[in-house]
Amino acid sequence: MSENIAISKFVHIKANTVFVNGEAMVKADEQLPFGDFAKQIYKEKNLNYSKFFKMDSLSKLAFLGASFLFEEVIPHPNTAIILSNNASSLDTDRKHQAAIEDAENYFPSPAVFVYTLPNIAIGEISIKYGLQSENAFFIFDTFNAAFLSQYTTGLMAQEKSEQVVCGWVEVDGEDYEAFMYLVNKEDGWNHDKNELEKLYKLLD
């Protein structure tokens, strides 16, 4: 079955620009804060998910990436989500830490604390699109094309998933990067380590 698996679509989000299959689809002023850029995309795409405004930046970034992958597509409920990054939820962890480190102004926010696990980003995507398959969030030093290729191929070869959303989603303050792609049984780019590394670095 693995020989029929391909990457049917891929998305980069970086420097306030969204690229779909390597083509710039949305572009904003690079000085615009990520939160405002994310809100702009949400409104333009009419995503209709009110919890978006409560999400942390990591979840917003992953959520927006998925919205472009699923544009004009009805996702199969048995769609797995396998994401990765270097810093887990560190960006949100810092905000939570800042809220509790001052004993005199101790005010931990449940709205922040709930996002101190990176897999919450996966949960938001799953809720929005009604996905009920395997999911995992892995931490690597750098984008690990070999692992993601092998893991995803295994899920589909074992018929645990009909398709898989994969990728790298990293946020550190105003520095952010997303590379997400959809793997299924359609025609597309080869789903292997070399092709993944090439697509990931396409915009460098």
C-alpha atoms as a PDB file:
ATOM      1  CA  MET A   1       0.000   0.000   0.000  1.00  0.00           C
ATOM      2  CA  SER A   2       2.843   2.422   0.756  1.00  0.00           C
ATOM      3  CA  GLU A   3       3.680   2.889  -2.937  1.00  0.00           C
ATOM      4  CA  ASN A   4       0.269   4.580  -3.411  1.00  0.00           C
ATOM      5  CA  ILE A   5       0.854   7.156  -0.685  1.00  0.00           C
ATOM      6  CA  ALA A   6       1.673  10.693  -1.799  1.00  0.00           C
ATOM      7  CA  ILE A   7       1.707  14.300  -0.586  1.00  0.00           C
ATOM      8  CA  SER A   8      -1.292  15.907  -2.239  1.00  0.00           C
ATOM      9  CA  LYS A   9      -0.861  19.407  -0.788  1.00  0.00           C
ATOM     10  CA  PHE A  10       1.595  21.348   1.357  1.00  0.00           C
ATOM     11  CA  VAL A  11       1.497  24.686   3.142  1.00  0.00           C
ATOM     12  CA  HIS A  12       4.177  27.017   4.482  1.00  0.00           C
ATOM     13  CA  ILE A  13       3.347  29.891   6.828  1.00  0.00           C
ATOM     14  CA  LYS A  14       6.230  32.215   7.632  1.00  0.00           C
ATOM     15  CA  ALA A  15       7.105  35.936   7.543  1.00  0.00           C
ATOM     16  CA  ASN A  16       3.376  36.814   7.450  1.00  0.00           C
ATOM     17  CA  THR A  17       2.911  34.946   4.191  1.00  0.00           C
ATOM     18  CA  VAL A  18       0.968  31.780   3.417  1.00  0.00           C
ATOM     19  CA  PHE A  19       2.281  29.602   0.600  1.00  0.00           C
ATOM     20  CA  VAL A  20       0.232  26.722  -0.803  1.00  0.00           C
ATOM     21  CA  ASN A  21       2.209  24.255  -2.907  1.00  0.00           C
ATOM     22  CA  GLY A  22       4.967  26.854  -3.060  1.00  0.00           C
ATOM     23  CA  GLU A  23       2.746  29.694  -4.337  1.00  0.00           C
ATOM     24  CA  ALA A  24       2.092  32.768  -2.162  1.00  0.00           C
ATOM     25  CA  MET A  25      -1.643  32.943  -1.431  1.00  0.00           C
ATOM     26  CA  VAL A  26      -1.777  35.470   1.429  1.00  0.00           C
ATOM     27  CA  LYS A  27       0.790  38.152   2.185  1.00  0.00           C
ATOM     28  CA  ALA A  28       0.796  40.882   4.837  1.00  0.00           C
ATOM     29  CA  ASP A  29       3.239  43.486   6.120  1.00  0.00           C
ATOM     30  CA  GLU A  30       6.118  41.643   7.819  1.00  0.00           C
ATOM     31  CA  GLN A  31       5.920  44.122  10.714  1.00  0.00           C
ATOM     32  CA  LEU A  32       2.365  43.058  11.533  1.00  0.00           C
ATOM     33  CA  PRO A  33       2.311  41.065  14.806  1.00  0.00           C
ATOM     34  CA  PHE A  34       1.528  37.391  14.346  1.00  0.00           C
ATOM     35  CA  GLY A  35      -1.707  37.706  16.334  1.00  0.00           C
ATOM     36  CA  ASP A  36      -3.034  40.342  13.943  1.00  0.00           C
ATOM     37  CA  PHE A  37      -1.883  38.388  10.899  1.00  0.00           C
ATOM     38  CA  ALA A  38      -3.633  35.263  12.211  1.00  0.00           C
ATOM     39  CA  LYS A  39      -6.817  37.234  12.871  1.00  0.00           C
ATOM     40  CA  GLN A  40      -6.696  38.639   9.330  1.00  0.00           C
ATOM     41  CA  ILE A  41      -6.539  35.151   7.818  1.00  0.00           C
ATOM     42  CA  TYR A  42      -9.308  33.889  10.119  1.00  0.00           C
ATOM     43  CA  LYS A  43     -11.637  36.664   8.976  1.00  0.00           C
ATOM     44  CA  GLU A  44     -10.736  36.398   5.284  1.00  0.00           C
ATOM     45  CA  LYS A  45     -11.365  32.644   5.323  1.00  0.00           C
ATOM     46  CA  ASN A  46     -14.500  32.974   7.479  1.00  0.00           C
ATOM     47  CA  LEU A  47     -13.406  29.995   9.560  1.00  0.00           C
ATOM     48  CA  ASN A  48     -16.321  30.202  12.002  1.00  0.00           C
ATOM     49  CA  TYR A  49     -14.621  28.787  15.081  1.00  0.00           C
ATOM     50  CA  SER A  50     -15.040  31.190  17.994  1.00  0.00           C
ATOM     51  CA  LYS A  51     -12.470  29.417  20.176  1.00  0.00           C
ATOM     52  CA  PHE A  52      -9.814  30.623  17.747  1.00  0.00           C
ATOM     53  CA  PHE A  53      -9.503  33.919  19.609  1.00  0.00           C
ATOM     54  CA  LYS A  54      -8.715  32.131  22.882  1.00  0.00           C
ATOM     55  CA  MET A  55      -6.009  29.899  21.376  1.00  0.00           C
ATOM     56  CA  ASP A  56      -2.305  30.345  21.968  1.00  0.00           C
ATOM     57  CA  SER A  57      -0.089  31.207  19.001  1.00  0.00           C
ATOM     58  CA  LEU A  58       1.017  27.601  18.397  1.00  0.00           C
ATOM     59  CA  SER A  59      -2.570  26.387  18.126  1.00  0.00           C
ATOM     60  CA  LYS A  60      -3.534  29.294  15.878  1.00  0.00           C
ATOM     61  CA  LEU A  61      -0.631  28.566  13.554  1.00  0.00           C
ATOM     62  CA  ALA A  62      -1.435  24.851  13.274  1.00  0.00           C
ATOM     63  CA  PHE A  63      -5.152  25.596  12.921  1.00  0.00           C
ATOM     64  CA  LEU A  64      -4.536  28.023  10.064  1.00  0.00           C
ATOM     65  CA  GLY A  65      -2.211  25.568   8.336  1.00  0.00           C
ATOM     66  CA  ALA A  66      -4.909  22.899   8.481  1.00  0.00           C
ATOM     67  CA  SER A  67      -7.503  25.334   7.144  1.00  0.00           C
ATOM     68  CA  PHE A  68      -5.467  25.774   3.955  1.00  0.00           C
ATOM     69  CA  LEU A  69      -4.854  22.032   3.617  1.00  0.00           C
ATOM     70  CA  PHE A  70      -8.585  21.382   3.907  1.00  0.00           C
ATOM     71  CA  GLU A  71      -9.690  24.280   1.705  1.00  0.00           C
ATOM     72  CA  GLU A  72     -12.345  23.019  -0.724  1.00  0.00           C
ATOM     73  CA  VAL A  73     -11.893  19.542   0.773  1.00  0.00           C
ATOM     74  CA  ILE A  74     -14.097  17.572   3.150  1.00  0.00           C
ATOM     75  CA  PRO A  75     -11.641  15.758   5.451  1.00  0.00           C
ATOM     76  CA  HIS A  76     -12.230  12.071   6.092  1.00  0.00           C
ATOM     77  CA  PRO A  77     -13.106  11.544   9.793  1.00  0.00           C
ATOM     78  CA  ASN A  78     -10.314   8.958   9.918  1.00  0.00           C
ATOM     79  CA  THR A  79      -7.622  11.595   9.322  1.00  0.00           C
ATOM     80  CA  ALA A  80      -4.607  11.377  11.605  1.00  0.00           C
ATOM     81  CA  ILE A  81      -2.601  14.421  12.720  1.00  0.00           C
ATOM     82  CA  ILE A  82       1.129  14.064  13.337  1.00  0.00           C
ATOM     83  CA  LEU A  83       2.891  17.331  14.189  1.00  0.00           C
ATOM     84  CA  SER A  84       6.325  18.213  15.528  1.00  0.00           C
ATOM     85  CA  ASN A  85       8.536  21.076  16.627  1.00  0.00           C
ATOM     86  CA  ASN A  86      11.618  21.909  18.671  1.00  0.00           C
ATOM     87  CA  ALA A  87      10.241  23.761  21.686  1.00  0.00           C
ATOM     88  CA  SER A  88       6.939  22.056  22.512  1.00  0.00           C
ATOM     89  CA  SER A  89       4.632  24.724  24.034  1.00  0.00           C
ATOM     90  CA  LEU A  90       7.492  26.834  25.428  1.00  0.00           C
ATOM     91  CA  ASP A  91       6.073  30.104  24.086  1.00  0.00           C
ATOM     92  CA  THR A  92       2.899  29.615  26.123  1.00  0.00           C
ATOM     93  CA  ASP A  93       4.798  28.115  29.059  1.00  0.00           C
ATOM     94  CA  ARG A  94       6.679  31.403  29.415  1.00  0.00           C
ATOM     95  CA  LYS A  95       3.418  33.338  29.605  1.00  0.00           C
ATOM     96  CA  HIS A  96       2.084  30.960  32.240  1.00  0.00           C
ATOM     97  CA  GLN A  97       5.304  31.248  34.229  1.00  0.00           C
ATOM     98  CA  ALA A  98       5.145  35.044  34.121  1.00  0.00           C
ATOM     99  CA  ALA A  99       1.630  34.896  35.566  1.00  0.00           C
ATOM    100  CA  ILE A 100       2.682  32.842  38.597  1.00  0.00           C
ATOM    101  CA  GLU A 101       6.217  33.949  39.420  1.00  0.00           C
ATOM    102  CA  ASP A 102       5.216  37.157  41.234  1.00  0.00           C
ATOM    103  CA  ALA A 103       3.873  36.032  44.597  1.00  0.00           C
ATOM    104  CA  GLU A 104       2.220  39.395  45.236  1.00  0.00           C
ATOM    105  CA  ASN A 105       0.384  39.361  41.927  1.00  0.00           C
ATOM    106  CA  TYR A 106      -0.141  35.624  41.625  1.00  0.00           C
ATOM    107  CA  PHE A 107      -2.777  35.115  38.975  1.00  0.00           C
ATOM    108  CA  PRO A 108      -2.494  31.908  36.922  1.00  0.00           C
ATOM    109  CA  SER A 109      -4.862  32.030  33.979  1.00  0.00           C
ATOM    110  CA  PRO A 110      -6.732  28.815  33.125  1.00  0.00           C
ATOM    111  CA  ALA A 111      -7.112  30.153  29.588  1.00  0.00           C
ATOM    112  CA  VAL A 112      -3.302  30.192  29.247  1.00  0.00           C
ATOM    113  CA  PHE A 113      -2.597  27.033  31.245  1.00  0.00           C
ATOM    114  CA  VAL A 114      -4.808  24.859  29.023  1.00  0.00           C
ATOM    115  CA  TYR A 115      -2.409  25.507  26.123  1.00  0.00           C
ATOM    116  CA  THR A 116       0.739  24.412  27.957  1.00  0.00           C
ATOM    117  CA  LEU A 117       0.650  21.108  26.068  1.00  0.00           C
ATOM    118  CA  PRO A 118       1.447  21.179  22.333  1.00  0.00           C
ATOM    119  CA  ASN A 119      -1.081  18.482  21.462  1.00  0.00           C
ATOM    120  CA  ILE A 120      -3.896  20.910  22.304  1.00  0.00           C
ATOM    121  CA  ALA A 121      -3.217  22.351  18.843  1.00  0.00           C
ATOM    122  CA  ILE A 122      -4.110  18.961  17.401  1.00  0.00           C
ATOM    123  CA  GLY A 123      -7.263  18.885  19.498  1.00  0.00           C
ATOM    124  CA  GLU A 124      -8.478  22.199  18.107  1.00  0.00           C
ATOM    125  CA  ILE A 125      -8.028  20.986  14.525  1.00  0.00           C
ATOM    126  CA  SER A 126      -9.770  17.702  15.322  1.00  0.00           C
ATOM    127  CA  ILE A 127     -12.770  19.458  16.864  1.00  0.00           C
ATOM    128  CA  LYS A 128     -13.139  21.898  13.983  1.00  0.00           C
ATOM    129  CA  TYR A 129     -13.024  19.206  11.293  1.00  0.00           C
ATOM    130  CA  GLY A 130     -14.542  16.249  13.156  1.00  0.00           C
ATOM    131  CA  LEU A 131     -11.401  14.104  13.009  1.00  0.00           C
ATOM    132  CA  GLN A 132     -11.281  10.928  15.091  1.00  0.00           C
ATOM    133  CA  SER A 133      -8.053   9.147  14.175  1.00  0.00           C
ATOM    134  CA  GLU A 134      -4.527   8.786  15.553  1.00  0.00           C
ATOM    135  CA  ASN A 135      -2.655  11.885  16.660  1.00  0.00           C
ATOM    136  CA  ALA A 136       0.708  12.727  18.173  1.00  0.00           C
ATOM    137  CA  PHE A 137       3.004  15.694  18.700  1.00  0.00           C
ATOM    138  CA  PHE A 138       6.731  14.916  18.620  1.00  0.00           C
ATOM    139  CA  ILE A 139       9.674  17.033  19.754  1.00  0.00           C
ATOM    140  CA  PHE A 140      12.858  17.028  17.640  1.00  0.00           C
ATOM    141  CA  ASP A 141      15.911  19.258  17.392  1.00  0.00           C
ATOM    142  CA  THR A 142      15.071  19.974  13.751  1.00  0.00           C
ATOM    143  CA  PHE A 143      12.529  18.939  11.143  1.00  0.00           C
ATOM    144  CA  ASN A 144      12.778  15.145  11.051  1.00  0.00           C
ATOM    145  CA  ALA A 145      11.686  14.110   7.569  1.00  0.00           C
ATOM    146  CA  ALA A 146      12.767  10.482   7.970  1.00  0.00           C
ATOM    147  CA  PHE A 147      10.730   9.902  11.119  1.00  0.00           C
ATOM    148  CA  LEU A 148       7.599  11.645   9.851  1.00  0.00           C
ATOM    149  CA  SER A 149       7.737   9.732   6.579  1.00  0.00           C
ATOM    150  CA  GLN A 150       8.161   6.362   8.283  1.00  0.00           C
ATOM    151  CA  TYR A 151       5.556   7.013  10.978  1.00  0.00           C
ATOM    152  CA  THR A 152       2.941   8.260   8.528  1.00  0.00           C
ATOM    153  CA  THR A 153       3.555   5.465   6.037  1.00  0.00           C
ATOM    154  CA  GLY A 154       3.127   2.989   8.891  1.00  0.00           C
ATOM    155  CA  LEU A 155      -0.234   4.455   9.908  1.00  0.00           C
ATOM    156  CA  MET A 156      -1.602   4.203   6.403  1.00  0.00           C
ATOM    157  CA  ALA A 157      -0.049   0.836   5.574  1.00  0.00           C
ATOM    158  CA  GLN A 158      -1.729  -0.593   8.681  1.00  0.00           C
ATOM    159  CA  GLU A 159      -4.999   1.065   7.596  1.00  0.00           C
ATOM    160  CA  LYS A 160      -5.193   3.046  10.826  1.00  0.00           C
ATOM    161  CA  SER A 161      -5.834   6.252   8.890  1.00  0.00           C
ATOM    162  CA  GLU A 162      -7.272   7.208   5.519  1.00  0.00           C
ATOM    163  CA  GLN A 163      -5.091  10.303   5.296  1.00  0.00           C
ATOM    164  CA  VAL A 164      -2.635  12.151   7.537  1.00  0.00           C
ATOM    165  CA  VAL A 165      -1.907  15.795   8.269  1.00  0.00           C
ATOM    166  CA  CYS A 166       1.792  16.073   9.091  1.00  0.00           C
ATOM    167  CA  GLY A 167       4.309  18.781   9.686  1.00  0.00           C
ATOM    168  CA  TRP A 168       6.444  21.162  11.705  1.00  0.00           C
ATOM    169  CA  VAL A 169       4.820  23.997  13.669  1.00  0.00           C
ATOM    170  CA  GLU A 170       7.092  26.227  15.754  1.00  0.00           C
ATOM    171  CA  VAL A 171       6.451  29.479  17.641  1.00  0.00           C
ATOM    172  CA  ASP A 172       8.826  31.589  19.710  1.00  0.00           C
ATOM    173  CA  GLY A 173       7.386  35.033  20.342  1.00  0.00           C
ATOM    174  CA  GLU A 174       7.092  36.740  16.961  1.00  0.00           C
ATOM    175  CA  ASP A 175       9.271  34.110  15.299  1.00  0.00           C
ATOM    176  CA  TYR A 176       7.158  31.355  13.811  1.00  0.00           C
ATOM    177  CA  GLU A 177       7.150  28.801  11.051  1.00  0.00           C
ATOM    178  CA  ALA A 178       4.720  26.184   9.842  1.00  0.00           C
ATOM    179  CA  PHE A 179       5.230  23.508   7.224  1.00  0.00           C
ATOM    180  CA  MET A 180       2.223  21.218   7.018  1.00  0.00           C
ATOM    181  CA  TYR A 181       1.242  18.702   4.366  1.00  0.00           C
ATOM    182  CA  LEU A 182      -1.516  16.238   3.572  1.00  0.00           C
ATOM    183  CA  VAL A 183      -0.654  12.608   2.866  1.00  0.00           C
ATOM    184  CA  ASN A 184      -3.209  10.358   1.197  1.00  0.00           C
ATOM    185  CA  LYS A 185      -3.741   7.963  -1.700  1.00  0.00           C
ATOM    186  CA  GLU A 186      -4.032  10.617  -4.376  1.00  0.00           C
ATOM    187  CA  ASP A 187      -1.416  11.632  -6.904  1.00  0.00           C
ATOM    188  CA  GLY A 188       1.151  14.150  -5.763  1.00  0.00           C
ATOM    189  CA  TRP A 189       4.690  14.565  -4.528  1.00  0.00           C
ATOM    190  CA  ASN A 190       6.620  11.490  -3.400  1.00  0.00           C
ATOM    191  CA  HIS A 191       6.173  10.779   0.277  1.00  0.00           C
ATOM    192  CA  ASP A 192       9.751  10.050   1.249  1.00  0.00           C
ATOM    193  CA  LYS A 193      12.572  11.639   3.239  1.00  0.00           C
ATOM    194  CA  ASN A 194      14.289  13.330   0.318  1.00  0.00           C
ATOM    195  CA  GLU A 195      11.134  14.879  -1.107  1.00  0.00           C
ATOM    196  CA  LEU A 196       9.996  16.057   2.312  1.00  0.00           C
ATOM    197  CA  GLU A 197      13.317  17.753   2.996  1.00  0.00           C
ATOM    198  CA  LYS A 198      13.176  19.431  -0.417  1.00  0.00           C
ATOM    199  CA  LEU A 199       9.634  20.719   0.130  1.00  0.00           C
ATOM    200  CA  TYR A 200      10.422  21.893   3.650  1.00  0.00           C
ATOM    201  CA  LYS A 201      13.385  23.944   2.399  1.00  0.00           C
ATOM    202  CA  LEU A 202      11.615  25.121  -0.754  1.00  0.00           C
ATOM    203  CA  LEU A 203      11.352  28.740   0.414  1.00  0.00           C
ATOM    204  CA  ASP A 204      14.797  29.085   2.010  1.00  0.00           C
END
